[in-house]
Amino acid sequence: MIRILFSGISEADVMAAAEWWQESLKGIVEETKITGVEVLGPAPAGIPKIKERFRWQLILKGAVSTDLRKVAGTLLQRAGIRFKKVTVSIDVDP
């Protein structure tokens, strides 16, 4: 499992980033024809706001760790600095 956490001052920016990542992750899963990988979310994080920063998350779930890492790595290469006002952190095996 991989948790992708988005945080920022504007909730709209954070939601937009999380939705873009969700669509992109689903597209990469289809492109690479990797089976058994599921994208859950986006949804508010367990603690949705810390120090005036909104937090949303995605969960990338699957049985094979290398497949999950391949999907996440491919998206990281494509994402670049698309959302400058949103911080993205990735936690493998949270």
C-alpha atoms as a PDB file:
ATOM      1  CA  MET A   1       0.000   0.000   0.000  1.00  0.00           C
ATOM      2  CA  ILE A   2       1.152   3.524  -0.784  1.00  0.00           C
ATOM      3  CA  ARG A   3      -0.374   6.641   0.759  1.00  0.00           C
ATOM      4  CA  ILE A   4      -0.118   9.899  -1.173  1.00  0.00           C
ATOM      5  CA  LEU A   5      -0.813  12.950   0.976  1.00  0.00           C
ATOM      6  CA  PHE A   6      -1.590  16.405  -0.419  1.00  0.00           C
ATOM      7  CA  SER A   7      -1.523  19.552   1.708  1.00  0.00           C
ATOM      8  CA  GLY A   8      -1.942  23.250   1.074  1.00  0.00           C
ATOM      9  CA  ILE A   9      -3.521  26.483   2.245  1.00  0.00           C
ATOM     10  CA  SER A  10      -6.300  26.403  -0.375  1.00  0.00           C
ATOM     11  CA  GLU A  11      -8.604  23.409  -0.100  1.00  0.00           C
ATOM     12  CA  ALA A  12      -9.612  23.849  -3.752  1.00  0.00           C
ATOM     13  CA  ASP A  13      -5.965  23.581  -4.876  1.00  0.00           C
ATOM     14  CA  VAL A  14      -5.413  20.504  -2.712  1.00  0.00           C
ATOM     15  CA  MET A  15      -8.554  18.820  -4.061  1.00  0.00           C
ATOM     16  CA  ALA A  16      -7.607  19.658  -7.659  1.00  0.00           C
ATOM     17  CA  ALA A  17      -4.152  18.150  -7.197  1.00  0.00           C
ATOM     18  CA  ALA A  18      -5.570  15.009  -5.583  1.00  0.00           C
ATOM     19  CA  GLU A  19      -8.123  14.583  -8.383  1.00  0.00           C
ATOM     20  CA  TRP A  20      -5.458  15.071 -11.069  1.00  0.00           C
ATOM     21  CA  TRP A  21      -3.252  12.437  -9.415  1.00  0.00           C
ATOM     22  CA  GLN A  22      -6.200  10.030  -9.131  1.00  0.00           C
ATOM     23  CA  GLU A  23      -7.054  10.323 -12.823  1.00  0.00           C
ATOM     24  CA  SER A  24      -3.396  10.026 -13.784  1.00  0.00           C
ATOM     25  CA  LEU A  25      -2.828   6.971 -11.580  1.00  0.00           C
ATOM     26  CA  LYS A  26      -5.844   5.222 -13.069  1.00  0.00           C
ATOM     27  CA  GLY A  27      -4.565   6.048 -16.564  1.00  0.00           C
ATOM     28  CA  ILE A  28      -1.113   4.625 -15.801  1.00  0.00           C
ATOM     29  CA  VAL A  29      -2.631   1.435 -14.386  1.00  0.00           C
ATOM     30  CA  GLU A  30      -4.611   1.013 -17.630  1.00  0.00           C
ATOM     31  CA  GLU A  31      -1.612   1.888 -19.853  1.00  0.00           C
ATOM     32  CA  THR A  32       0.759  -0.533 -18.152  1.00  0.00           C
ATOM     33  CA  LYS A  33      -1.932  -3.239 -17.882  1.00  0.00           C
ATOM     34  CA  ILE A  34      -0.887  -3.964 -14.296  1.00  0.00           C
ATOM     35  CA  THR A  35      -3.569  -6.014 -12.579  1.00  0.00           C
ATOM     36  CA  GLY A  36      -4.500  -5.951  -8.928  1.00  0.00           C
ATOM     37  CA  VAL A  37      -3.743  -2.255  -8.364  1.00  0.00           C
ATOM     38  CA  GLU A  38      -6.550  -0.152  -6.931  1.00  0.00           C
ATOM     39  CA  VAL A  39      -6.696   3.634  -6.479  1.00  0.00           C
ATOM     40  CA  LEU A  40      -8.774   4.696  -3.464  1.00  0.00           C
ATOM     41  CA  GLY A  41      -9.815   8.304  -2.952  1.00  0.00           C
ATOM     42  CA  PRO A  42      -9.243  11.164  -3.005  1.00  0.00           C
ATOM     43  CA  ALA A  43     -10.618  11.733   0.470  1.00  0.00           C
ATOM     44  CA  PRO A  44      -9.857  14.048   3.369  1.00  0.00           C
ATOM     45  CA  ALA A  45      -6.957  12.791   5.488  1.00  0.00           C
ATOM     46  CA  GLY A  46      -7.607  11.403   8.973  1.00  0.00           C
ATOM     47  CA  ILE A  47      -6.788  14.849  10.343  1.00  0.00           C
ATOM     48  CA  PRO A  48      -8.122  17.063   7.535  1.00  0.00           C
ATOM     49  CA  LYS A  49      -6.492  20.330   8.641  1.00  0.00           C
ATOM     50  CA  ILE A  50      -3.246  20.989  10.514  1.00  0.00           C
ATOM     51  CA  LYS A  51      -1.798  24.478  11.064  1.00  0.00           C
ATOM     52  CA  GLU A  52      -4.100  26.134   8.521  1.00  0.00           C
ATOM     53  CA  ARG A  53      -3.200  23.553   5.828  1.00  0.00           C
ATOM     54  CA  PHE A  54      -5.866  21.329   4.289  1.00  0.00           C
ATOM     55  CA  ARG A  55      -4.934  17.661   3.823  1.00  0.00           C
ATOM     56  CA  TRP A  56      -6.324  15.133   1.346  1.00  0.00           C
ATOM     57  CA  GLN A  57      -5.070  11.660   0.506  1.00  0.00           C
ATOM     58  CA  LEU A  58      -5.055   8.878  -2.049  1.00  0.00           C
ATOM     59  CA  ILE A  59      -4.313   5.238  -1.325  1.00  0.00           C
ATOM     60  CA  LEU A  60      -2.690   3.024  -3.922  1.00  0.00           C
ATOM     61  CA  LYS A  61      -3.486  -0.549  -2.958  1.00  0.00           C
ATOM     62  CA  GLY A  62      -2.215  -3.821  -4.378  1.00  0.00           C
ATOM     63  CA  ALA A  63      -0.670  -7.166  -3.532  1.00  0.00           C
ATOM     64  CA  VAL A  64       2.649  -6.714  -5.376  1.00  0.00           C
ATOM     65  CA  SER A  65       4.841  -3.947  -3.974  1.00  0.00           C
ATOM     66  CA  THR A  66       6.956  -3.619  -7.132  1.00  0.00           C
ATOM     67  CA  ASP A  67       3.837  -2.949  -9.225  1.00  0.00           C
ATOM     68  CA  LEU A  68       2.706  -0.207  -6.840  1.00  0.00           C
ATOM     69  CA  ARG A  69       6.136   1.411  -6.899  1.00  0.00           C
ATOM     70  CA  LYS A  70       6.253   1.249 -10.687  1.00  0.00           C
ATOM     71  CA  VAL A  71       2.899   3.038 -10.990  1.00  0.00           C
ATOM     72  CA  ALA A  72       3.831   5.700  -8.409  1.00  0.00           C
ATOM     73  CA  GLY A  73       7.279   6.223  -9.946  1.00  0.00           C
ATOM     74  CA  THR A  74       5.838   6.687 -13.419  1.00  0.00           C
ATOM     75  CA  LEU A  75       3.429   9.320 -12.141  1.00  0.00           C
ATOM     76  CA  LEU A  76       6.160  11.154 -10.228  1.00  0.00           C
ATOM     77  CA  GLN A  77       8.125  11.519 -13.456  1.00  0.00           C
ATOM     78  CA  ARG A  78       5.076  12.917 -15.245  1.00  0.00           C
ATOM     79  CA  ALA A  79       3.845  15.206 -12.484  1.00  0.00           C
ATOM     80  CA  GLY A  80       6.853  17.497 -12.129  1.00  0.00           C
ATOM     81  CA  ILE A  81       5.871  20.728 -10.390  1.00  0.00           C
ATOM     82  CA  ARG A  82       2.361  20.949 -11.787  1.00  0.00           C
ATOM     83  CA  PHE A  83       0.795  22.176  -8.529  1.00  0.00           C
ATOM     84  CA  LYS A  84       3.164  24.707  -6.997  1.00  0.00           C
ATOM     85  CA  LYS A  85       0.968  25.564  -3.999  1.00  0.00           C
ATOM     86  CA  VAL A  86       0.384  21.959  -2.957  1.00  0.00           C
ATOM     87  CA  THR A  87       2.860  19.748  -1.110  1.00  0.00           C
ATOM     88  CA  VAL A  88       2.795  16.065  -2.057  1.00  0.00           C
ATOM     89  CA  SER A  89       4.299  13.369   0.139  1.00  0.00           C
ATOM     90  CA  ILE A  90       4.408   9.661  -0.576  1.00  0.00           C
ATOM     91  CA  ASP A  91       4.513   7.039   2.157  1.00  0.00           C
ATOM     92  CA  VAL A  92       5.226   3.437   1.145  1.00  0.00           C
ATOM     93  CA  ASP A  93       3.769   0.866   3.554  1.00  0.00           C
ATOM     94  CA  PRO A  94       2.229   3.396   5.963  1.00  0.00           C
END
